[in-house]
Amino acid sequence: MSGERDITTDRLDEVLQKAGSDREAEQLIKEYSVNPYETFAAYYSEYIHTHKLEISEIICRSNISKNYIYNIINGRRNPGRDKVIALCIGAGMSVREINRGLKIAGLGVLYAKNERDARIVVAVNRGIRNVIDINIMLEKQNQDILE
Protein backbone atom coordinates (compact mmCIF):
# COMPACT_ATOMS: atom_id res chain seq x y z
CA MET A 1 0.00 0.00 0.00
CA SER A 2 2.80 2.44 0.66
CA GLY A 3 3.56 4.61 -2.34
CA GLU A 4 -0.12 4.77 -3.30
CA ARG A 5 -0.51 8.30 -1.91
CA ASP A 6 -2.67 9.61 -4.77
CA ILE A 7 -5.42 7.03 -4.27
CA THR A 8 -8.86 7.66 -5.78
CA THR A 9 -11.92 7.93 -3.57
CA ASP A 10 -13.45 4.78 -5.08
CA ARG A 11 -10.23 2.83 -4.50
CA LEU A 12 -10.01 4.10 -0.91
CA ASP A 13 -13.62 3.01 -0.33
CA GLU A 14 -12.68 -0.49 -1.53
CA VAL A 15 -9.58 -0.62 0.65
CA LEU A 16 -11.48 0.56 3.74
CA GLN A 17 -14.19 -2.06 3.20
CA LYS A 18 -11.54 -4.78 3.19
CA ALA A 19 -9.84 -3.54 6.36
CA GLY A 20 -9.67 -6.58 8.62
CA SER A 21 -9.49 -4.86 11.97
CA ASP A 22 -10.21 -1.54 13.63
CA ARG A 23 -6.48 -0.96 13.95
CA GLU A 24 -5.92 -1.55 10.22
CA ALA A 25 -8.85 0.74 9.35
CA GLU A 26 -7.46 3.50 11.60
CA GLN A 27 -4.03 3.21 9.98
CA LEU A 28 -5.54 3.47 6.49
CA ILE A 29 -7.69 6.44 7.46
CA LYS A 30 -4.70 8.29 8.88
CA GLU A 31 -2.51 7.44 5.91
CA TYR A 32 -4.92 8.52 3.20
CA SER A 33 -7.33 11.00 4.74
CA VAL A 34 -5.01 13.42 6.49
CA ASN A 35 -4.91 16.87 4.91
CA PRO A 36 -1.37 18.27 5.03
CA TYR A 37 -2.73 21.84 4.99
CA GLU A 38 -4.40 23.22 8.08
CA THR A 39 -5.46 26.43 6.35
CA PHE A 40 -6.11 27.83 2.91
CA ALA A 41 -3.19 30.21 3.53
CA ALA A 42 -0.80 27.26 3.92
CA TYR A 43 -2.13 25.58 0.76
CA TYR A 44 -2.03 28.77 -1.29
CA SER A 45 1.40 29.85 -0.06
CA GLU A 46 2.90 26.47 -0.91
CA TYR A 47 1.27 26.55 -4.35
CA ILE A 48 2.72 29.99 -5.07
CA HIS A 49 6.17 28.89 -3.90
CA THR A 50 6.12 25.55 -5.75
CA HIS A 51 5.02 27.16 -9.02
CA LYS A 52 7.36 30.14 -8.59
CA LEU A 53 4.55 32.66 -9.07
CA GLU A 54 4.93 36.40 -8.67
CA ILE A 55 2.45 38.10 -6.34
CA SER A 56 2.24 41.02 -8.79
CA GLU A 57 1.00 38.65 -11.50
CA ILE A 58 -1.57 37.12 -9.16
CA ILE A 59 -2.79 40.60 -8.20
CA CYS A 60 -3.37 41.46 -11.87
CA ARG A 61 -5.03 38.18 -12.77
CA SER A 62 -7.15 37.78 -9.61
CA ASN A 63 -8.32 41.41 -9.45
CA ILE A 64 -7.66 41.42 -5.70
CA SER A 65 -5.64 44.09 -3.92
CA LYS A 66 -2.05 43.52 -2.83
CA ASN A 67 -2.85 44.11 0.85
CA TYR A 68 -5.74 41.65 0.81
CA ILE A 69 -3.62 38.95 -0.84
CA TYR A 70 -0.78 39.41 1.65
CA ASN A 71 -3.25 39.30 4.57
CA ILE A 72 -4.57 35.98 3.25
CA ILE A 73 -1.12 34.50 2.63
CA ASN A 74 -0.01 35.57 6.11
CA GLY A 75 -3.14 34.02 7.63
CA ARG A 76 -4.54 37.31 8.92
CA ARG A 77 -7.71 37.02 6.82
CA ASN A 78 -9.91 34.11 5.90
CA PRO A 79 -11.25 34.70 2.41
CA GLY A 80 -14.81 33.95 1.36
CA ARG A 81 -15.70 31.57 -1.45
CA ASP A 82 -15.48 34.13 -4.29
CA LYS A 83 -12.09 35.37 -3.10
CA VAL A 84 -10.72 31.83 -2.88
CA ILE A 85 -11.94 31.13 -6.41
CA ALA A 86 -10.47 34.41 -7.69
CA LEU A 87 -7.12 33.81 -5.98
CA CYS A 88 -6.93 30.30 -7.37
CA ILE A 89 -7.80 31.46 -10.88
CA GLY A 90 -5.19 34.20 -10.58
CA ALA A 91 -2.61 31.58 -9.64
CA GLY A 92 -3.52 29.52 -12.70
CA MET A 93 -4.95 26.58 -10.78
CA SER A 94 -6.98 23.80 -12.40
CA VAL A 95 -10.57 23.12 -11.36
CA ARG A 96 -9.35 20.24 -9.20
CA GLU A 97 -6.83 22.51 -7.42
CA ILE A 98 -9.47 25.22 -6.96
CA ASN A 99 -11.86 22.71 -5.41
CA ARG A 100 -9.12 21.47 -3.11
CA GLY A 101 -8.49 25.05 -1.97
CA LEU A 102 -12.21 25.55 -1.38
CA LYS A 103 -12.40 22.36 0.68
CA ILE A 104 -9.39 23.34 2.78
CA ALA A 105 -11.00 26.74 3.38
CA GLY A 106 -14.18 24.97 4.51
CA LEU A 107 -16.19 26.33 1.58
CA GLY A 108 -18.38 24.70 -1.04
CA VAL A 109 -16.63 23.34 -4.12
CA LEU A 110 -17.52 24.39 -7.66
CA TYR A 111 -20.77 22.56 -8.38
CA ALA A 112 -21.48 21.65 -12.01
CA LYS A 113 -25.26 21.82 -11.56
CA ASN A 114 -25.01 25.46 -10.48
CA GLU A 115 -25.01 27.58 -13.65
CA ARG A 116 -22.56 30.17 -12.34
CA ASP A 117 -20.15 27.53 -11.07
CA ALA A 118 -20.47 25.56 -14.32
CA ARG A 119 -19.56 28.67 -16.33
CA ILE A 120 -16.51 29.24 -14.11
CA VAL A 121 -15.46 25.59 -14.58
CA VAL A 122 -15.78 25.90 -18.36
CA ALA A 123 -13.74 29.12 -18.37
CA VAL A 124 -10.96 27.61 -16.24
CA ASN A 125 -10.93 24.45 -18.36
CA ARG A 126 -10.57 26.65 -21.45
CA GLY A 127 -7.47 28.23 -19.94
CA ILE A 128 -8.91 31.58 -18.87
CA ARG A 129 -6.69 32.70 -16.00
CA ASN A 130 -7.95 36.24 -15.54
CA VAL A 131 -10.85 37.02 -13.21
CA ILE A 132 -11.81 40.14 -15.17
CA ASP A 133 -12.34 38.02 -18.31
CA ILE A 134 -14.39 35.51 -16.33
CA ASN A 135 -16.44 38.33 -14.76
CA ILE A 136 -17.21 39.75 -18.21
CA MET A 137 -18.38 36.32 -19.31
CA LEU A 138 -20.49 35.90 -16.15
CA GLU A 139 -22.02 39.35 -16.51
CA LYS A 140 -23.00 38.64 -20.15
CA GLN A 141 -24.86 35.56 -18.90
CA ASN A 142 -26.63 37.53 -16.12
CA GLN A 143 -24.65 35.73 -13.41
CA ASP A 144 -23.11 37.29 -10.30
CA ILE A 145 -19.48 38.24 -10.87
CA LEU A 146 -16.62 37.08 -8.64
CA GLU A 147 -16.20 39.77 -6.01
C-alpha atoms as a PDB file:
ATOM      1  CA  MET A   1       0.000   0.000   0.000  1.00  0.00           C
ATOM      2  CA  SER A   2       2.799   2.442   0.658  1.00  0.00           C
ATOM      3  CA  GLY A   3       3.562   4.606  -2.336  1.00  0.00           C
ATOM      4  CA  GLU A   4      -0.123   4.769  -3.304  1.00  0.00           C
ATOM      5  CA  ARG A   5      -0.508   8.305  -1.908  1.00  0.00           C
ATOM      6  CA  ASP A   6      -2.673   9.614  -4.774  1.00  0.00           C
ATOM      7  CA  ILE A   7      -5.419   7.027  -4.268  1.00  0.00           C
ATOM      8  CA  THR A   8      -8.865   7.658  -5.779  1.00  0.00           C
ATOM      9  CA  THR A   9     -11.918   7.931  -3.572  1.00  0.00           C
ATOM     10  CA  ASP A  10     -13.445   4.776  -5.080  1.00  0.00           C
ATOM     11  CA  ARG A  11     -10.230   2.832  -4.498  1.00  0.00           C
ATOM     12  CA  LEU A  12     -10.010   4.103  -0.911  1.00  0.00           C
ATOM     13  CA  ASP A  13     -13.618   3.015  -0.329  1.00  0.00           C
ATOM     14  CA  GLU A  14     -12.683  -0.492  -1.526  1.00  0.00           C
ATOM     15  CA  VAL A  15      -9.579  -0.622   0.653  1.00  0.00           C
ATOM     16  CA  LEU A  16     -11.476   0.559   3.744  1.00  0.00           C
ATOM     17  CA  GLN A  17     -14.193  -2.057   3.202  1.00  0.00           C
ATOM     18  CA  LYS A  18     -11.541  -4.778   3.193  1.00  0.00           C
ATOM     19  CA  ALA A  19      -9.839  -3.539   6.356  1.00  0.00           C
ATOM     20  CA  GLY A  20      -9.670  -6.582   8.618  1.00  0.00           C
ATOM     21  CA  SER A  21      -9.488  -4.859  11.972  1.00  0.00           C
ATOM     22  CA  ASP A  22     -10.215  -1.543  13.629  1.00  0.00           C
ATOM     23  CA  ARG A  23      -6.479  -0.957  13.947  1.00  0.00           C
ATOM     24  CA  GLU A  24      -5.919  -1.553  10.221  1.00  0.00           C
ATOM     25  CA  ALA A  25      -8.850   0.739   9.345  1.00  0.00           C
ATOM     26  CA  GLU A  26      -7.463   3.497  11.599  1.00  0.00           C
ATOM     27  CA  GLN A  27      -4.033   3.212   9.982  1.00  0.00           C
ATOM     28  CA  LEU A  28      -5.542   3.470   6.488  1.00  0.00           C
ATOM     29  CA  ILE A  29      -7.692   6.442   7.460  1.00  0.00           C
ATOM     30  CA  LYS A  30      -4.699   8.294   8.884  1.00  0.00           C
ATOM     31  CA  GLU A  31      -2.505   7.435   5.911  1.00  0.00           C
ATOM     32  CA  TYR A  32      -4.921   8.519   3.201  1.00  0.00           C
ATOM     33  CA  SER A  33      -7.334  11.000   4.745  1.00  0.00           C
ATOM     34  CA  VAL A  34      -5.012  13.423   6.491  1.00  0.00           C
ATOM     35  CA  ASN A  35      -4.905  16.870   4.911  1.00  0.00           C
ATOM     36  CA  PRO A  36      -1.370  18.273   5.031  1.00  0.00           C
ATOM     37  CA  TYR A  37      -2.726  21.841   4.993  1.00  0.00           C
ATOM     38  CA  GLU A  38      -4.396  23.220   8.079  1.00  0.00           C
ATOM     39  CA  THR A  39      -5.461  26.432   6.353  1.00  0.00           C
ATOM     40  CA  PHE A  40      -6.114  27.832   2.913  1.00  0.00           C
ATOM     41  CA  ALA A  41      -3.190  30.211   3.531  1.00  0.00           C
ATOM     42  CA  ALA A  42      -0.796  27.261   3.921  1.00  0.00           C
ATOM     43  CA  TYR A  43      -2.126  25.575   0.763  1.00  0.00           C
ATOM     44  CA  TYR A  44      -2.026  28.766  -1.287  1.00  0.00           C
ATOM     45  CA  SER A  45       1.400  29.850  -0.059  1.00  0.00           C
ATOM     46  CA  GLU A  46       2.898  26.474  -0.912  1.00  0.00           C
ATOM     47  CA  TYR A  47       1.271  26.546  -4.354  1.00  0.00           C
ATOM     48  CA  ILE A  48       2.725  29.994  -5.069  1.00  0.00           C
ATOM     49  CA  HIS A  49       6.171  28.889  -3.896  1.00  0.00           C
ATOM     50  CA  THR A  50       6.117  25.554  -5.745  1.00  0.00           C
ATOM     51  CA  HIS A  51       5.018  27.158  -9.016  1.00  0.00           C
ATOM     52  CA  LYS A  52       7.363  30.143  -8.591  1.00  0.00           C
ATOM     53  CA  LEU A  53       4.552  32.662  -9.072  1.00  0.00           C
ATOM     54  CA  GLU A  54       4.932  36.396  -8.666  1.00  0.00           C
ATOM     55  CA  ILE A  55       2.446  38.103  -6.345  1.00  0.00           C
ATOM     56  CA  SER A  56       2.236  41.022  -8.788  1.00  0.00           C
ATOM     57  CA  GLU A  57       1.004  38.647 -11.502  1.00  0.00           C
ATOM     58  CA  ILE A  58      -1.567  37.117  -9.159  1.00  0.00           C
ATOM     59  CA  ILE A  59      -2.792  40.600  -8.204  1.00  0.00           C
ATOM     60  CA  CYS A  60      -3.372  41.463 -11.867  1.00  0.00           C
ATOM     61  CA  ARG A  61      -5.034  38.179 -12.771  1.00  0.00           C
ATOM     62  CA  SER A  62      -7.150  37.782  -9.612  1.00  0.00           C
ATOM     63  CA  ASN A  63      -8.323  41.412  -9.448  1.00  0.00           C
ATOM     64  CA  ILE A  64      -7.661  41.418  -5.695  1.00  0.00           C
ATOM     65  CA  SER A  65      -5.641  44.087  -3.924  1.00  0.00           C
ATOM     66  CA  LYS A  66      -2.054  43.517  -2.834  1.00  0.00           C
ATOM     67  CA  ASN A  67      -2.846  44.113   0.854  1.00  0.00           C
ATOM     68  CA  TYR A  68      -5.743  41.645   0.815  1.00  0.00           C
ATOM     69  CA  ILE A  69      -3.622  38.947  -0.838  1.00  0.00           C
ATOM     70  CA  TYR A  70      -0.780  39.414   1.648  1.00  0.00           C
ATOM     71  CA  ASN A  71      -3.250  39.296   4.566  1.00  0.00           C
ATOM     72  CA  ILE A  72      -4.571  35.978   3.253  1.00  0.00           C
ATOM     73  CA  ILE A  73      -1.120  34.504   2.630  1.00  0.00           C
ATOM     74  CA  ASN A  74      -0.009  35.566   6.108  1.00  0.00           C
ATOM     75  CA  GLY A  75      -3.140  34.019   7.633  1.00  0.00           C
ATOM     76  CA  ARG A  76      -4.541  37.308   8.921  1.00  0.00           C
ATOM     77  CA  ARG A  77      -7.714  37.018   6.822  1.00  0.00           C
ATOM     78  CA  ASN A  78      -9.913  34.107   5.904  1.00  0.00           C
ATOM     79  CA  PRO A  79     -11.250  34.700   2.407  1.00  0.00           C
ATOM     80  CA  GLY A  80     -14.814  33.954   1.360  1.00  0.00           C
ATOM     81  CA  ARG A  81     -15.701  31.574  -1.448  1.00  0.00           C
ATOM     82  CA  ASP A  82     -15.482  34.126  -4.288  1.00  0.00           C
ATOM     83  CA  LYS A  83     -12.090  35.372  -3.099  1.00  0.00           C
ATOM     84  CA  VAL A  84     -10.717  31.833  -2.877  1.00  0.00           C
ATOM     85  CA  ILE A  85     -11.938  31.133  -6.405  1.00  0.00           C
ATOM     86  CA  ALA A  86     -10.465  34.412  -7.694  1.00  0.00           C
ATOM     87  CA  LEU A  87      -7.119  33.807  -5.977  1.00  0.00           C
ATOM     88  CA  CYS A  88      -6.927  30.297  -7.373  1.00  0.00           C
ATOM     89  CA  ILE A  89      -7.802  31.465 -10.883  1.00  0.00           C
ATOM     90  CA  GLY A  90      -5.188  34.205 -10.576  1.00  0.00           C
ATOM     91  CA  ALA A  91      -2.608  31.580  -9.636  1.00  0.00           C
ATOM     92  CA  GLY A  92      -3.520  29.521 -12.700  1.00  0.00           C
ATOM     93  CA  MET A  93      -4.953  26.578 -10.783  1.00  0.00           C
ATOM     94  CA  SER A  94      -6.977  23.804 -12.397  1.00  0.00           C
ATOM     95  CA  VAL A  95     -10.569  23.119 -11.356  1.00  0.00           C
ATOM     96  CA  ARG A  96      -9.348  20.243  -9.204  1.00  0.00           C
ATOM     97  CA  GLU A  97      -6.833  22.506  -7.422  1.00  0.00           C
ATOM     98  CA  ILE A  98      -9.467  25.223  -6.962  1.00  0.00           C
ATOM     99  CA  ASN A  99     -11.855  22.710  -5.409  1.00  0.00           C
ATOM    100  CA  ARG A 100      -9.118  21.472  -3.106  1.00  0.00           C
ATOM    101  CA  GLY A 101      -8.491  25.053  -1.966  1.00  0.00           C
ATOM    102  CA  LEU A 102     -12.211  25.554  -1.379  1.00  0.00           C
ATOM    103  CA  LYS A 103     -12.401  22.357   0.677  1.00  0.00           C
ATOM    104  CA  ILE A 104      -9.394  23.339   2.783  1.00  0.00           C
ATOM    105  CA  ALA A 105     -11.004  26.744   3.383  1.00  0.00           C
ATOM    106  CA  GLY A 106     -14.184  24.965   4.515  1.00  0.00           C
ATOM    107  CA  LEU A 107     -16.192  26.330   1.581  1.00  0.00           C
ATOM    108  CA  GLY A 108     -18.380  24.705  -1.038  1.00  0.00           C
ATOM    109  CA  VAL A 109     -16.630  23.339  -4.121  1.00  0.00           C
ATOM    110  CA  LEU A 110     -17.521  24.386  -7.656  1.00  0.00           C
ATOM    111  CA  TYR A 111     -20.766  22.559  -8.382  1.00  0.00           C
ATOM    112  CA  ALA A 112     -21.478  21.648 -12.009  1.00  0.00           C
ATOM    113  CA  LYS A 113     -25.263  21.821 -11.557  1.00  0.00           C
ATOM    114  CA  ASN A 114     -25.013  25.458 -10.485  1.00  0.00           C
ATOM    115  CA  GLU A 115     -25.012  27.583 -13.650  1.00  0.00           C
ATOM    116  CA  ARG A 116     -22.559  30.174 -12.335  1.00  0.00           C
ATOM    117  CA  ASP A 117     -20.146  27.528 -11.068  1.00  0.00           C
ATOM    118  CA  ALA A 118     -20.471  25.563 -14.317  1.00  0.00           C
ATOM    119  CA  ARG A 119     -19.558  28.667 -16.328  1.00  0.00           C
ATOM    120  CA  ILE A 120     -16.507  29.235 -14.106  1.00  0.00           C
ATOM    121  CA  VAL A 121     -15.457  25.588 -14.576  1.00  0.00           C
ATOM    122  CA  VAL A 122     -15.784  25.900 -18.364  1.00  0.00           C
ATOM    123  CA  ALA A 123     -13.738  29.119 -18.371  1.00  0.00           C
ATOM    124  CA  VAL A 124     -10.956  27.606 -16.245  1.00  0.00           C
ATOM    125  CA  ASN A 125     -10.930  24.447 -18.364  1.00  0.00           C
ATOM    126  CA  ARG A 126     -10.568  26.646 -21.447  1.00  0.00           C
ATOM    127  CA  GLY A 127      -7.469  28.225 -19.937  1.00  0.00           C
ATOM    128  CA  ILE A 128      -8.911  31.576 -18.867  1.00  0.00           C
ATOM    129  CA  ARG A 129      -6.685  32.696 -16.001  1.00  0.00           C
ATOM    130  CA  ASN A 130      -7.951  36.236 -15.544  1.00  0.00           C
ATOM    131  CA  VAL A 131     -10.848  37.022 -13.214  1.00  0.00           C
ATOM    132  CA  ILE A 132     -11.814  40.142 -15.172  1.00  0.00           C
ATOM    133  CA  ASP A 133     -12.339  38.019 -18.310  1.00  0.00           C
ATOM    134  CA  ILE A 134     -14.392  35.512 -16.329  1.00  0.00           C
ATOM    135  CA  ASN A 135     -16.442  38.328 -14.761  1.00  0.00           C
ATOM    136  CA  ILE A 136     -17.207  39.754 -18.214  1.00  0.00           C
ATOM    137  CA  MET A 137     -18.383  36.319 -19.312  1.00  0.00           C
ATOM    138  CA  LEU A 138     -20.491  35.896 -16.155  1.00  0.00           C
ATOM    139  CA  GLU A 139     -22.017  39.346 -16.514  1.00  0.00           C
ATOM    140  CA  LYS A 140     -22.998  38.642 -20.150  1.00  0.00           C
ATOM    141  CA  GLN A 141     -24.858  35.558 -18.897  1.00  0.00           C
ATOM    142  CA  ASN A 142     -26.626  37.532 -16.116  1.00  0.00           C
ATOM    143  CA  GLN A 143     -24.647  35.726 -13.411  1.00  0.00           C
ATOM    144  CA  ASP A 144     -23.108  37.293 -10.303  1.00  0.00           C
ATOM    145  CA  ILE A 145     -19.476  38.244 -10.867  1.00  0.00           C
ATOM    146  CA  LEU A 146     -16.618  37.082  -8.640  1.00  0.00           C
ATOM    147  CA  GLU A 147     -16.195  39.767  -6.007  1.00  0.00           C
END
